[in-house]
PDB file of N, CA and C in Angstrom:
ATOM      1  N   MET A   1       0.822  -1.188   0.000  1.00  0.00           N
ATOM      2  CA  MET A   1       0.000   0.000   0.000  1.00  0.00           C
ATOM      3  C   MET A   1       0.862   1.245   0.000  1.00  0.00           C
ATOM      4  N   GLU A   2       0.500   2.187  -0.792  1.00  0.00           N
ATOM      5  CA  GLU A   2       1.233   3.448  -0.858  1.00  0.00           C
ATOM      6  C   GLU A   2       0.626   4.428   0.138  1.00  0.00           C
ATOM      7  N   ASP A   3       1.487   5.122   0.888  1.00  0.00           N
ATOM      8  CA  ASP A   3       1.028   6.132   1.837  1.00  0.00           C
ATOM      9  C   ASP A   3       1.023   7.487   1.161  1.00  0.00           C
ATOM     10  N   LEU A   4      -0.021   8.239   1.398  1.00  0.00           N
ATOM     11  CA  LEU A   4      -0.110   9.605   0.913  1.00  0.00           C
ATOM     12  C   LEU A   4       0.205  10.517   2.088  1.00  0.00           C
ATOM     13  N   GLN A   5       1.227  11.343   1.976  1.00  0.00           N
ATOM     14  CA  GLN A   5       1.664  12.180   3.085  1.00  0.00           C
ATOM     15  C   GLN A   5       0.863  13.471   3.134  1.00  0.00           C
ATOM     16  N   LEU A   6       0.404  13.834   4.321  1.00  0.00           N
ATOM     17  CA  LEU A   6      -0.307  15.075   4.566  1.00  0.00           C
ATOM     18  C   LEU A   6       0.566  15.959   5.447  1.00  0.00           C
ATOM     19  N   GLU A   7       0.209  17.229   5.567  1.00  0.00           N
ATOM     20  CA  GLU A   7       1.026  18.191   6.306  1.00  0.00           C
ATOM     21  C   GLU A   7       1.011  17.942   7.815  1.00  0.00           C
ATOM     22  N   ALA A   8       2.183  17.957   8.429  1.00  0.00           N
ATOM     23  CA  ALA A   8       2.320  17.776   9.870  1.00  0.00           C
ATOM     24  C   ALA A   8       1.905  19.048  10.601  1.00  0.00           C
ATOM     25  N   PHE A   9       1.514  18.895  11.865  1.00  0.00           N
ATOM     26  CA  PHE A   9       1.155  20.033  12.697  1.00  0.00           C
ATOM     27  C   PHE A   9       1.540  19.744  14.138  1.00  0.00           C
ATOM     28  N   ALA A  10       1.603  20.793  14.959  1.00  0.00           N
ATOM     29  CA  ALA A  10       2.028  20.675  16.356  1.00  0.00           C
ATOM     30  C   ALA A  10       0.828  20.790  17.291  1.00  0.00           C
ATOM     31  N   LEU A  11       0.903  20.061  18.401  1.00  0.00           N
ATOM     32  CA  LEU A  11      -0.101  20.137  19.461  1.00  0.00           C
ATOM     33  C   LEU A  11       0.600  20.235  20.805  1.00  0.00           C
ATOM     34  N   LYS A  12       0.010  20.959  21.732  1.00  0.00           N
ATOM     35  CA  LYS A  12       0.490  20.994  23.114  1.00  0.00           C
ATOM     36  C   LYS A  12      -0.413  20.067  23.916  1.00  0.00           C
ATOM     37  N   VAL A  13       0.183  19.045  24.527  1.00  0.00           N
ATOM     38  CA  VAL A  13      -0.576  18.031  25.250  1.00  0.00           C
ATOM     39  C   VAL A  13       0.098  17.730  26.586  1.00  0.00           C
ATOM     40  N   ILE A  14      -0.600  16.988  27.424  1.00  0.00           N
ATOM     41  CA  ILE A  14      -0.062  16.548  28.709  1.00  0.00           C
ATOM     42  C   ILE A  14       0.274  15.063  28.582  1.00  0.00           C
ATOM     43  N   ILE A  15       1.553  14.731  28.734  1.00  0.00           N
ATOM     44  CA  ILE A  15       2.012  13.346  28.738  1.00  0.00           C
ATOM     45  C   ILE A  15       2.850  13.150  29.992  1.00  0.00           C
ATOM     46  N   ASP A  16       2.555  12.101  30.744  1.00  0.00           N
ATOM     47  CA  ASP A  16       3.244  11.844  32.022  1.00  0.00           C
ATOM     48  C   ASP A  16       3.180  13.061  32.935  1.00  0.00           C
ATOM     49  N   ASN A  17       2.013  13.712  32.965  1.00  0.00           N
ATOM     50  CA  ASN A  17       1.763  14.877  33.810  1.00  0.00           C
ATOM     51  C   ASN A  17       2.653  16.075  33.470  1.00  0.00           C
ATOM     52  N   LYS A  18       3.184  16.114  32.242  1.00  0.00           N
ATOM     53  CA  LYS A  18       4.001  17.244  31.801  1.00  0.00           C
ATOM     54  C   LYS A  18       3.420  17.806  30.514  1.00  0.00           C
ATOM     55  N   SER A  19       3.408  19.128  30.407  1.00  0.00           N
ATOM     56  CA  SER A  19       2.967  19.786  29.190  1.00  0.00           C
ATOM     57  C   SER A  19       4.099  19.715  28.169  1.00  0.00           C
ATOM     58  N   VAL A  20       3.806  19.111  27.018  1.00  0.00           N
ATOM     59  CA  VAL A  20       4.825  18.941  25.975  1.00  0.00           C
ATOM     60  C   VAL A  20       4.231  19.308  24.617  1.00  0.00           C
ATOM     61  N   ASP A  21       5.103  19.644  23.694  1.00  0.00           N
ATOM     62  CA  ASP A  21       4.711  19.892  22.310  1.00  0.00           C
ATOM     63  C   ASP A  21       5.032  18.642  21.510  1.00  0.00           C
ATOM     64  N   ILE A  22       4.028  18.111  20.816  1.00  0.00           N
ATOM     65  CA  ILE A  22       4.267  16.967  19.947  1.00  0.00           C
ATOM     66  C   ILE A  22       3.983  17.371  18.505  1.00  0.00           C
ATOM     67  N   LYS A  23       4.607  16.667  17.603  1.00  0.00           N
ATOM     68  CA  LYS A  23       4.357  16.836  16.180  1.00  0.00           C
ATOM     69  C   LYS A  23       3.479  15.674  15.743  1.00  0.00           C
ATOM     70  N   VAL A  24       2.412  15.991  15.021  1.00  0.00           N
ATOM     71  CA  VAL A  24       1.496  14.969  14.522  1.00  0.00           C
ATOM     72  C   VAL A  24       1.631  14.919  13.003  1.00  0.00           C
ATOM     73  N   GLN A  25       1.944  13.747  12.499  1.00  0.00           N
ATOM     74  CA  GLN A  25       2.088  13.548  11.058  1.00  0.00           C
ATOM     75  C   GLN A  25       0.926  12.694  10.565  1.00  0.00           C
ATOM     76  N   PRO A  26      -0.078  13.323   9.954  1.00  0.00           N
ATOM     77  CA  PRO A  26      -1.200  12.548   9.418  1.00  0.00           C
ATOM     78  C   PRO A  26      -0.755  11.754   8.199  1.00  0.00           C
ATOM     79  N   ARG A  27      -1.308  10.585   8.055  1.00  0.00           N
ATOM     80  CA  ARG A  27      -1.044   9.753   6.890  1.00  0.00           C
ATOM     81  C   ARG A  27      -2.363   9.146   6.433  1.00  0.00           C
ATOM     82  N   GLU A  28      -2.415   8.840   5.178  1.00  0.00           N
ATOM     83  CA  GLU A  28      -3.592   8.180   4.618  1.00  0.00           C
ATOM     84  C   GLU A  28      -3.085   7.098   3.680  1.00  0.00           C
ATOM     85  N   ASN A  29      -3.553   5.877   3.880  1.00  0.00           N
ATOM     86  CA  ASN A  29      -3.108   4.839   2.959  1.00  0.00           C
ATOM     87  C   ASN A  29      -3.984   4.840   1.712  1.00  0.00           C
ATOM     88  N   SER A  30      -3.667   4.010   0.765  1.00  0.00           N
ATOM     89  CA  SER A  30      -4.375   4.017  -0.516  1.00  0.00           C
ATOM     90  C   SER A  30      -5.846   3.619  -0.388  1.00  0.00           C
ATOM     91  N   ASP A  31      -6.204   3.014   0.746  1.00  0.00           N
ATOM     92  CA  ASP A  31      -7.607   2.664   0.996  1.00  0.00           C
ATOM     93  C   ASP A  31      -8.378   3.794   1.668  1.00  0.00           C
ATOM     94  N   GLY A  32      -7.703   4.918   1.923  1.00  0.00           N
ATOM     95  CA  GLY A  32      -8.361   6.067   2.536  1.00  0.00           C
ATOM     96  C   GLY A  32      -8.426   6.017   4.050  1.00  0.00           C
ATOM     97  N   VAL A  33      -7.711   5.079   4.674  1.00  0.00           N
ATOM     98  CA  VAL A  33      -7.700   4.975   6.137  1.00  0.00           C
ATOM     99  C   VAL A  33      -6.680   5.969   6.674  1.00  0.00           C
ATOM    100  N   HIS A  34      -7.123   6.820   7.615  1.00  0.00           N
ATOM    101  CA  HIS A  34      -6.240   7.821   8.214  1.00  0.00           C
ATOM    102  C   HIS A  34      -5.608   7.265   9.484  1.00  0.00           C
ATOM    103  N   PHE A  35      -4.346   7.605   9.685  1.00  0.00           N
ATOM    104  CA  PHE A  35      -3.669   7.311  10.938  1.00  0.00           C
ATOM    105  C   PHE A  35      -2.672   8.433  11.191  1.00  0.00           C
ATOM    106  N   TYR A  36      -2.155   8.504  12.417  1.00  0.00           N
ATOM    107  CA  TYR A  36      -1.391   9.666  12.842  1.00  0.00           C
ATOM    108  C   TYR A  36      -0.171   9.226  13.640  1.00  0.00           C
ATOM    109  N   PHE A  37       1.020   9.582  13.144  1.00  0.00           N
ATOM    110  CA  PHE A  37       2.246   9.362  13.891  1.00  0.00           C
ATOM    111  C   PHE A  37       2.428  10.545  14.830  1.00  0.00           C
ATOM    112  N   CYS A  38       2.777  10.270  16.076  1.00  0.00           N
ATOM    113  CA  CYS A  38       3.032  11.309  17.064  1.00  0.00           C
ATOM    114  C   CYS A  38       4.512  11.280  17.415  1.00  0.00           C
ATOM    115  N   GLU A  39       5.156  12.444  17.353  1.00  0.00           N
ATOM    116  CA  GLU A  39       6.578  12.564  17.643  1.00  0.00           C
ATOM    117  C   GLU A  39       6.800  13.510  18.815  1.00  0.00           C
ATOM    118  N   LEU A  40       7.738  13.141  19.659  1.00  0.00           N
ATOM    119  CA  LEU A  40       8.161  13.980  20.774  1.00  0.00           C
ATOM    120  C   LEU A  40       9.678  14.092  20.701  1.00  0.00           C
ATOM    121  N   ASN A  41      10.172  15.309  20.627  1.00  0.00           N
ATOM    122  CA  ASN A  41      11.617  15.562  20.524  1.00  0.00           C
ATOM    123  C   ASN A  41      12.245  14.795  19.359  1.00  0.00           C
ATOM    124  N   GLY A  42      11.533  14.737  18.237  1.00  0.00           N
ATOM    125  CA  GLY A  42      12.064  14.112  17.037  1.00  0.00           C
ATOM    126  C   GLY A  42      11.964  12.601  16.976  1.00  0.00           C
ATOM    127  N   GLU A  43      11.376  11.974  18.005  1.00  0.00           N
ATOM    128  CA  GLU A  43      11.228  10.519  18.025  1.00  0.00           C
ATOM    129  C   GLU A  43       9.753  10.147  17.969  1.00  0.00           C
ATOM    130  N   LYS A  44       9.417   9.176  17.136  1.00  0.00           N
ATOM    131  CA  LYS A  44       8.045   8.690  17.079  1.00  0.00           C
ATOM    132  C   LYS A  44       7.734   7.959  18.377  1.00  0.00           C
ATOM    133  N   ILE A  45       6.640   8.379  19.032  1.00  0.00           N
ATOM    134  CA  ILE A  45       6.267   7.767  20.309  1.00  0.00           C
ATOM    135  C   ILE A  45       4.976   6.958  20.209  1.00  0.00           C
ATOM    136  N   SER A  46       4.206   7.165  19.141  1.00  0.00           N
ATOM    137  CA  SER A  46       2.931   6.469  19.037  1.00  0.00           C
ATOM    138  C   SER A  46       2.365   6.604  17.633  1.00  0.00           C
ATOM    139  N   GLN A  47       1.484   5.695  17.305  1.00  0.00           N
ATOM    140  CA  GLN A  47       0.672   5.802  16.097  1.00  0.00           C
ATOM    141  C   GLN A  47      -0.774   5.627  16.525  1.00  0.00           C
ATOM    142  N   LEU A  48      -1.621   6.575  16.140  1.00  0.00           N
ATOM    143  CA  LEU A  48      -3.032   6.557  16.526  1.00  0.00           C
ATOM    144  C   LEU A  48      -3.914   6.452  15.297  1.00  0.00           C
ATOM    145  N   ARG A  49      -5.116   5.927  15.526  1.00  0.00           N
ATOM    146  CA  ARG A  49      -6.134   5.948  14.483  1.00  0.00           C
ATOM    147  C   ARG A  49      -7.485   6.127  15.170  1.00  0.00           C
ATOM    148  N   GLN A  50      -8.409   6.713  14.424  1.00  0.00           N
ATOM    149  CA  GLN A  50      -9.733   6.948  14.969  1.00  0.00           C
ATOM    150  C   GLN A  50     -10.650   5.802  14.567  1.00  0.00           C
ATOM    151  N   GLU A  51     -11.255   5.214  15.569  1.00  0.00           N
ATOM    152  CA  GLU A  51     -12.262   4.189  15.335  1.00  0.00           C
ATOM    153  C   GLU A  51     -13.623   4.885  15.317  1.00  0.00           C
ATOM    154  N   ILE A  52     -14.679   4.126  15.187  1.00  0.00           N
ATOM    155  CA  ILE A  52     -16.016   4.714  15.082  1.00  0.00           C
ATOM    156  C   ILE A  52     -16.347   5.581  16.298  1.00  0.00           C
ATOM    157  N   LYS A  53     -16.061   5.099  17.499  1.00  0.00           N
ATOM    158  CA  LYS A  53     -16.449   5.845  18.699  1.00  0.00           C
ATOM    159  C   LYS A  53     -15.293   6.435  19.476  1.00  0.00           C
ATOM    160  N   ASP A  54     -14.081   5.979  19.239  1.00  0.00           N
ATOM    161  CA  ASP A  54     -12.975   6.471  20.049  1.00  0.00           C
ATOM    162  C   ASP A  54     -11.656   6.373  19.298  1.00  0.00           C
ATOM    163  N   TRP A  55     -10.596   6.818  19.939  1.00  0.00           N
ATOM    164  CA  TRP A  55      -9.251   6.776  19.385  1.00  0.00           C
ATOM    165  C   TRP A  55      -8.523   5.565  19.943  1.00  0.00           C
ATOM    166  N   GLN A  56      -7.739   4.915  19.091  1.00  0.00           N
ATOM    167  CA  GLN A  56      -6.973   3.741  19.487  1.00  0.00           C
ATOM    168  C   GLN A  56      -5.498   3.954  19.161  1.00  0.00           C
ATOM    169  N   GLN A  57      -4.661   3.357  19.959  1.00  0.00           N
ATOM    170  CA  GLN A  57      -3.224   3.392  19.733  1.00  0.00           C
ATOM    171  C   GLN A  57      -2.831   2.112  18.990  1.00  0.00           C
ATOM    172  N   VAL A  58      -2.214   2.260  17.824  1.00  0.00           N
ATOM    173  CA  VAL A  58      -1.736   1.115  17.051  1.00  0.00           C
ATOM    174  C   VAL A  58      -0.478   0.568  17.714  1.00  0.00           C
ATOM    175  N   TRP A  59       0.438   1.460  18.086  1.00  0.00           N
ATOM    176  CA  TRP A  59       1.610   1.090  18.865  1.00  0.00           C
ATOM    177  C   TRP A  59       2.060   2.297  19.665  1.00  0.00           C
ATOM    178  N   GLY A  60       2.789   2.057  20.729  1.00  0.00           N
ATOM    179  CA  GLY A  60       3.272   3.104  21.614  1.00  0.00           C
ATOM    180  C   GLY A  60       2.899   2.792  23.047  1.00  0.00           C
ATOM    181  N   ASN A  61       3.273   3.694  23.951  1.00  0.00           N
ATOM    182  CA  ASN A  61       3.053   3.469  25.383  1.00  0.00           C
ATOM    183  C   ASN A  61       2.231   4.561  26.041  1.00  0.00           C
ATOM    184  N   LEU A  62       1.391   5.241  25.294  1.00  0.00           N
ATOM    185  CA  LEU A  62       0.544   6.277  25.882  1.00  0.00           C
ATOM    186  C   LEU A  62      -0.586   5.644  26.673  1.00  0.00           C
ATOM    187  N   GLN A  63      -1.024   6.352  27.692  1.00  0.00           N
ATOM    188  CA  GLN A  63      -2.192   5.938  28.465  1.00  0.00           C
ATOM    189  C   GLN A  63      -3.458   6.309  27.696  1.00  0.00           C
ATOM    190  N   GLN A  64      -4.571   5.625  27.979  1.00  0.00           N
ATOM    191  CA  GLN A  64      -5.792   5.885  27.226  1.00  0.00           C
ATOM    192  C   GLN A  64      -6.244   7.341  27.343  1.00  0.00           C
ATOM    193  N   HIS A  65      -6.098   7.959  28.514  1.00  0.00           N
ATOM    194  CA  HIS A  65      -6.509   9.367  28.649  1.00  0.00           C
ATOM    195  C   HIS A  65      -5.619  10.280  27.795  1.00  0.00           C
ATOM    196  N   GLU A  66      -4.353   9.918  27.602  1.00  0.00           N
ATOM    197  CA  GLU A  66      -3.470  10.698  26.739  1.00  0.00           C
ATOM    198  C   GLU A  66      -3.865  10.513  25.267  1.00  0.00           C
ATOM    199  N   ILE A  67      -4.200   9.292  24.904  1.00  0.00           N
ATOM    200  CA  ILE A  67      -4.672   8.999  23.545  1.00  0.00           C
ATOM    201  C   ILE A  67      -5.932   9.800  23.254  1.00  0.00           C
ATOM    202  N   ASN A  68      -6.869   9.793  24.193  1.00  0.00           N
ATOM    203  CA  ASN A  68      -8.121  10.545  24.017  1.00  0.00           C
ATOM    204  C   ASN A  68      -7.852  12.040  23.872  1.00  0.00           C
ATOM    205  N   GLN A  69      -6.968  12.564  24.705  1.00  0.00           N
ATOM    206  CA  GLN A  69      -6.634  13.992  24.660  1.00  0.00           C
ATOM    207  C   GLN A  69      -6.055  14.357  23.289  1.00  0.00           C
ATOM    208  N   ILE A  70      -5.097  13.592  22.816  1.00  0.00           N
ATOM    209  CA  ILE A  70      -4.484  13.857  21.511  1.00  0.00           C
ATOM    210  C   ILE A  70      -5.530  13.712  20.412  1.00  0.00           C
ATOM    211  N   GLY A  71      -6.340  12.662  20.491  1.00  0.00           N
ATOM    212  CA  GLY A  71      -7.380  12.445  19.483  1.00  0.00           C
ATOM    213  C   GLY A  71      -8.362  13.596  19.410  1.00  0.00           C
ATOM    214  N   HIS A  72      -8.789  14.104  20.564  1.00  0.00           N
ATOM    215  CA  HIS A  72      -9.719  15.238  20.569  1.00  0.00           C
ATOM    216  C   HIS A  72      -9.072  16.477  19.959  1.00  0.00           C
ATOM    217  N   GLN A  73      -7.789  16.677  20.239  1.00  0.00           N
ATOM    218  CA  GLN A  73      -7.105  17.832  19.657  1.00  0.00           C
ATOM    219  C   GLN A  73      -6.914  17.673  18.148  1.00  0.00           C
ATOM    220  N   ILE A  74      -6.692  16.447  17.688  1.00  0.00           N
ATOM    221  CA  ILE A  74      -6.620  16.200  16.243  1.00  0.00           C
ATOM    222  C   ILE A  74      -7.965  16.526  15.609  1.00  0.00           C
ATOM    223  N   ASP A  75      -9.059  16.068  16.237  1.00  0.00           N
ATOM    224  CA  ASP A  75     -10.392  16.396  15.743  1.00  0.00           C
ATOM    225  C   ASP A  75     -10.590  17.900  15.649  1.00  0.00           C
ATOM    226  N   ASP A  76     -10.208  18.606  16.721  1.00  0.00           N
ATOM    227  CA  ASP A  76     -10.358  20.073  16.745  1.00  0.00           C
ATOM    228  C   ASP A  76      -9.520  20.721  15.657  1.00  0.00           C
ATOM    229  N   TYR A  77      -8.324  20.220  15.430  1.00  0.00           N
ATOM    230  CA  TYR A  77      -7.447  20.792  14.403  1.00  0.00           C
ATOM    231  C   TYR A  77      -8.114  20.708  13.024  1.00  0.00           C
ATOM    232  N   PHE A  78      -8.703  19.570  12.707  1.00  0.00           N
ATOM    233  CA  PHE A  78      -9.290  19.397  11.387  1.00  0.00           C
ATOM    234  C   PHE A  78     -10.673  20.016  11.265  1.00  0.00           C
ATOM    235  N   SER A  79     -11.321  20.332  12.382  1.00  0.00           N
ATOM    236  CA  SER A  79     -12.642  20.956  12.295  1.00  0.00           C
ATOM    237  C   SER A  79     -12.565  22.481  12.285  1.00  0.00           C
ATOM    238  N   SER A  80     -11.368  23.022  12.547  1.00  0.00           N
ATOM    239  CA  SER A  80     -11.246  24.490  12.554  1.00  0.00           C
ATOM    240  C   SER A  80     -10.875  25.052  11.201  1.00  0.00           C
TER     241      SER A  80
END
């Protein structure tokens, strides 16, 4: 499958009880499925995707409340 690259953007989130800036790199595969790489200090820390009712982590070590927070901010970014 070929990935179509979309423009990255920054979010300020709370991870491990610390306010940090992460870079979110949206991707879309050839089937139109969206997923999001999250980077902190230049290192990929997680990959997220939106399911019908909630956000899921494909890989990484984020807590569910952190995943939800990032997912809601991604939603807000694309709805503005």
